[in-house]
């Protein structure tokens, strides 16, 4: 599908808006780091420019290595929202991962139980099967859904690999609050 310049700009704007908080915070650190480097070079203070490199360099590296995937994720979400087709998918696999961890306070070890719930679904479009996995936060939603159950999805006709679960509709169908299906 060929996108118009207007659509590309709109999707870019949506993605930038979703990432604006982390971008502004990292930009602030980078600007302060650049200022410290400048001060260090002007006053011949080695500590200042080294500290400025570290202070601005770490957020810059985070920005370079994490922002492209986050930007692309929200760009594709906006694209799917505008040009997505509605459909249903069947759950083919349920997986519960135990990500519990231990913390130590005053020589007392405490276990914090935490679980992640993954659901894999499949759907057919143009005689081709597509698979995707999504994470569910609430155990209620995970427990209610069974293998073979139908769930509402939205996907791009031009690239059906890009699909998302319509979580609001899913929660409504299951009679659960939206927060359980997020």
Protein backbone atom coordinates (compact mmCIF):
# COMPACT_ATOMS: atom_id res chain seq x y z
CA UNK A 1 0.00 0.00 0.00
CA UNK A 2 1.35 3.38 -1.01
CA UNK A 3 0.95 5.95 1.77
CA UNK A 4 0.48 9.63 1.07
CA UNK A 5 2.86 12.18 2.56
CA UNK A 6 0.00 13.47 4.72
CA UNK A 7 -0.54 10.00 6.22
CA UNK A 8 3.17 9.46 6.81
CA UNK A 9 3.40 12.81 8.61
CA UNK A 10 0.32 12.00 10.68
CA UNK A 11 1.67 8.58 11.72
CA UNK A 12 5.04 10.17 12.54
CA UNK A 13 3.32 12.83 14.65
CA UNK A 14 1.33 10.19 16.57
CA UNK A 15 4.49 8.18 17.20
CA UNK A 16 6.44 11.23 18.36
CA UNK A 17 3.60 12.21 20.68
CA UNK A 18 3.58 8.74 22.27
CA UNK A 19 7.37 8.89 22.75
CA UNK A 20 7.52 12.55 23.78
CA UNK A 21 8.09 11.98 27.52
CA UNK A 22 11.21 9.82 27.23
CA UNK A 23 12.48 11.90 24.30
CA UNK A 24 12.24 15.17 26.24
CA UNK A 25 13.91 13.71 29.33
CA UNK A 26 16.77 12.24 27.28
CA UNK A 27 17.10 15.48 25.33
CA UNK A 28 17.42 17.40 28.61
CA UNK A 29 20.25 15.09 29.75
CA UNK A 30 21.99 15.41 26.37
CA UNK A 31 21.78 19.22 26.43
CA UNK A 32 23.10 19.37 30.01
CA UNK A 33 25.90 16.96 29.05
CA UNK A 34 26.81 19.10 26.03
CA UNK A 35 26.84 22.20 28.24
CA UNK A 36 29.14 20.46 30.73
CA UNK A 37 31.48 19.45 27.90
CA UNK A 38 31.51 23.05 26.68
CA UNK A 39 32.26 24.36 30.19
CA UNK A 40 34.98 21.77 30.68
CA UNK A 41 36.68 22.69 27.42
CA UNK A 42 36.42 26.45 28.09
CA UNK A 43 37.84 26.22 31.61
CA UNK A 44 40.29 23.36 30.93
CA UNK A 45 38.59 21.22 33.58
CA UNK A 46 39.02 17.60 32.60
CA UNK A 47 36.47 16.33 35.12
CA UNK A 48 33.69 18.51 33.67
CA UNK A 49 34.04 17.40 30.09
CA UNK A 50 34.45 13.73 31.04
CA UNK A 51 31.39 13.96 33.28
CA UNK A 52 29.53 15.77 30.47
CA UNK A 53 30.37 12.95 28.03
CA UNK A 54 29.04 10.33 30.46
CA UNK A 55 26.04 12.44 31.52
CA UNK A 56 24.95 13.09 27.93
CA UNK A 57 26.36 9.97 26.30
CA UNK A 58 24.37 7.37 28.20
CA UNK A 59 20.96 8.90 27.31
CA UNK A 60 22.19 9.37 23.75
CA UNK A 61 23.02 5.66 23.49
CA UNK A 62 19.65 4.74 24.99
CA UNK A 63 18.00 7.04 22.47
CA UNK A 64 19.88 5.50 19.55
CA UNK A 65 19.27 1.87 20.53
CA UNK A 66 15.72 1.92 21.94
CA UNK A 67 13.81 4.71 20.26
CA UNK A 68 13.72 3.29 16.71
CA UNK A 69 11.78 0.20 17.80
CA UNK A 70 9.44 2.21 19.99
CA UNK A 71 8.90 4.78 17.25
CA UNK A 72 8.18 2.03 14.69
CA UNK A 73 5.78 0.28 17.08
CA UNK A 74 3.61 3.39 17.53
CA UNK A 75 3.89 4.26 13.84
CA UNK A 76 2.52 0.81 12.92
CA UNK A 77 -0.19 1.11 15.57
CA UNK A 78 -1.39 4.39 14.04
CA UNK A 79 -1.23 2.87 10.56
CA UNK A 80 -3.24 -0.15 11.68
CA UNK A 81 -5.77 2.11 13.38
CA UNK A 82 -6.42 4.02 10.16
CA UNK A 83 -6.11 1.31 7.52
CA UNK A 84 -6.71 -1.82 9.55
CA UNK A 85 -9.31 -4.42 8.72
CA UNK A 86 -11.36 -6.04 11.44
CA UNK A 87 -11.48 -9.76 11.91
CA UNK A 88 -11.40 -12.57 14.41
CA UNK A 89 -8.64 -14.94 15.35
CA UNK A 90 -8.45 -18.23 17.23
CA UNK A 91 -6.23 -18.71 20.25
CA UNK A 92 -3.86 -21.59 19.60
CA UNK A 93 -1.57 -21.43 22.62
CA UNK A 94 -1.58 -20.12 26.17
CA UNK A 95 1.64 -19.63 28.11
CA UNK A 96 2.18 -18.49 31.68
CA UNK A 97 5.73 -17.41 32.53
CA UNK A 98 6.87 -17.16 36.11
CA UNK A 99 9.06 -14.06 36.44
CA UNK A 100 9.11 -14.03 40.25
CA UNK A 101 12.13 -12.56 41.96
CA UNK A 102 13.72 -12.29 45.39
CA UNK A 103 14.55 -9.08 47.23
CA UNK A 104 16.63 -8.77 50.35
CA UNK A 105 15.86 -6.26 53.10
CA UNK A 106 17.72 -6.31 56.39
CA UNK A 107 19.01 -9.83 55.73
CA UNK A 108 15.44 -11.07 55.16
CA UNK A 109 14.79 -12.51 51.74
CA UNK A 110 11.32 -11.91 50.31
CA UNK A 111 9.89 -13.51 47.21
CA UNK A 112 7.78 -11.32 44.95
CA UNK A 113 5.57 -13.45 42.76
CA UNK A 114 4.98 -12.11 39.30
CA UNK A 115 3.60 -13.79 36.21
CA UNK A 116 3.33 -12.86 32.54
CA UNK A 117 0.50 -14.28 30.45
CA UNK A 118 1.04 -14.79 26.73
CA UNK A 119 -1.61 -15.79 24.21
CA UNK A 120 -0.76 -16.85 20.66
CA UNK A 121 -3.44 -16.53 18.02
CA UNK A 122 -3.85 -17.36 14.36
CA UNK A 123 -6.06 -15.97 11.63
CA UNK A 124 -6.46 -16.46 7.91
CA UNK A 125 -6.36 -13.74 5.28
CA UNK A 126 -6.21 -14.41 1.52
CA UNK A 127 -5.76 -18.15 2.09
CA UNK A 128 -2.67 -17.57 4.23
CA UNK A 129 -2.40 -18.21 7.97
CA UNK A 130 -0.78 -15.59 10.18
CA UNK A 131 0.30 -15.96 13.81
CA UNK A 132 0.94 -13.39 16.50
CA UNK A 133 1.39 -13.31 20.27
CA UNK A 134 0.19 -10.75 22.77
CA UNK A 135 0.67 -10.16 26.47
CA UNK A 136 -2.26 -9.97 28.88
CA UNK A 137 -1.74 -8.31 32.26
CA UNK A 138 -4.74 -9.70 34.13
CA UNK A 139 -5.03 -13.30 35.23
CA UNK A 140 -8.83 -13.03 34.93
CA UNK A 141 -8.63 -12.37 31.20
CA UNK A 142 -6.00 -15.07 30.73
CA UNK A 143 -8.05 -17.61 32.67
CA UNK A 144 -11.27 -16.78 30.84
CA UNK A 145 -9.76 -17.29 27.38
CA UNK A 146 -9.29 -20.89 26.29
CA UNK A 147 -7.49 -22.44 23.36
CA UNK A 148 -9.80 -22.32 20.36
CA UNK A 149 -11.61 -19.21 21.62
CA UNK A 150 -12.31 -16.40 19.15
CA UNK A 151 -10.84 -12.96 19.81
CA UNK A 152 -11.36 -9.68 17.91
CA UNK A 153 -8.33 -8.35 16.01
CA UNK A 154 -7.37 -5.60 13.61
CA UNK A 155 -4.73 -6.13 10.91
CA UNK A 156 -3.26 -4.34 7.92
CA UNK A 157 -4.51 -5.69 4.62
CA UNK A 158 -1.24 -4.71 2.98
CA UNK A 159 0.81 -6.50 5.67
CA UNK A 160 -1.33 -8.95 7.68
CA UNK A 161 1.66 -9.84 9.88
CA UNK A 162 0.93 -6.51 11.59
CA UNK A 163 -2.06 -7.32 13.74
CA UNK A 164 -3.30 -6.18 17.13
CA UNK A 165 -5.94 -7.46 19.51
CA UNK A 166 -8.90 -5.15 19.99
CA UNK A 167 -8.60 -5.18 23.76
CA UNK A 168 -11.57 -2.96 24.56
CA UNK A 169 -13.90 -5.18 22.52
CA UNK A 170 -12.30 -8.31 24.01
CA UNK A 171 -12.91 -7.03 27.55
CA UNK A 172 -16.49 -6.15 26.67
CA UNK A 173 -17.14 -9.61 25.18
CA UNK A 174 -15.69 -11.33 28.25
CA UNK A 175 -17.56 -9.04 30.66
CA UNK A 176 -14.32 -7.94 32.33
CA UNK A 177 -12.96 -4.49 33.09
CA UNK A 178 -10.60 -3.12 30.42
CA UNK A 179 -7.64 -3.12 32.85
CA UNK A 180 -7.80 -6.92 33.07
CA UNK A 181 -7.33 -7.30 29.31
CA UNK A 182 -4.60 -4.68 28.88
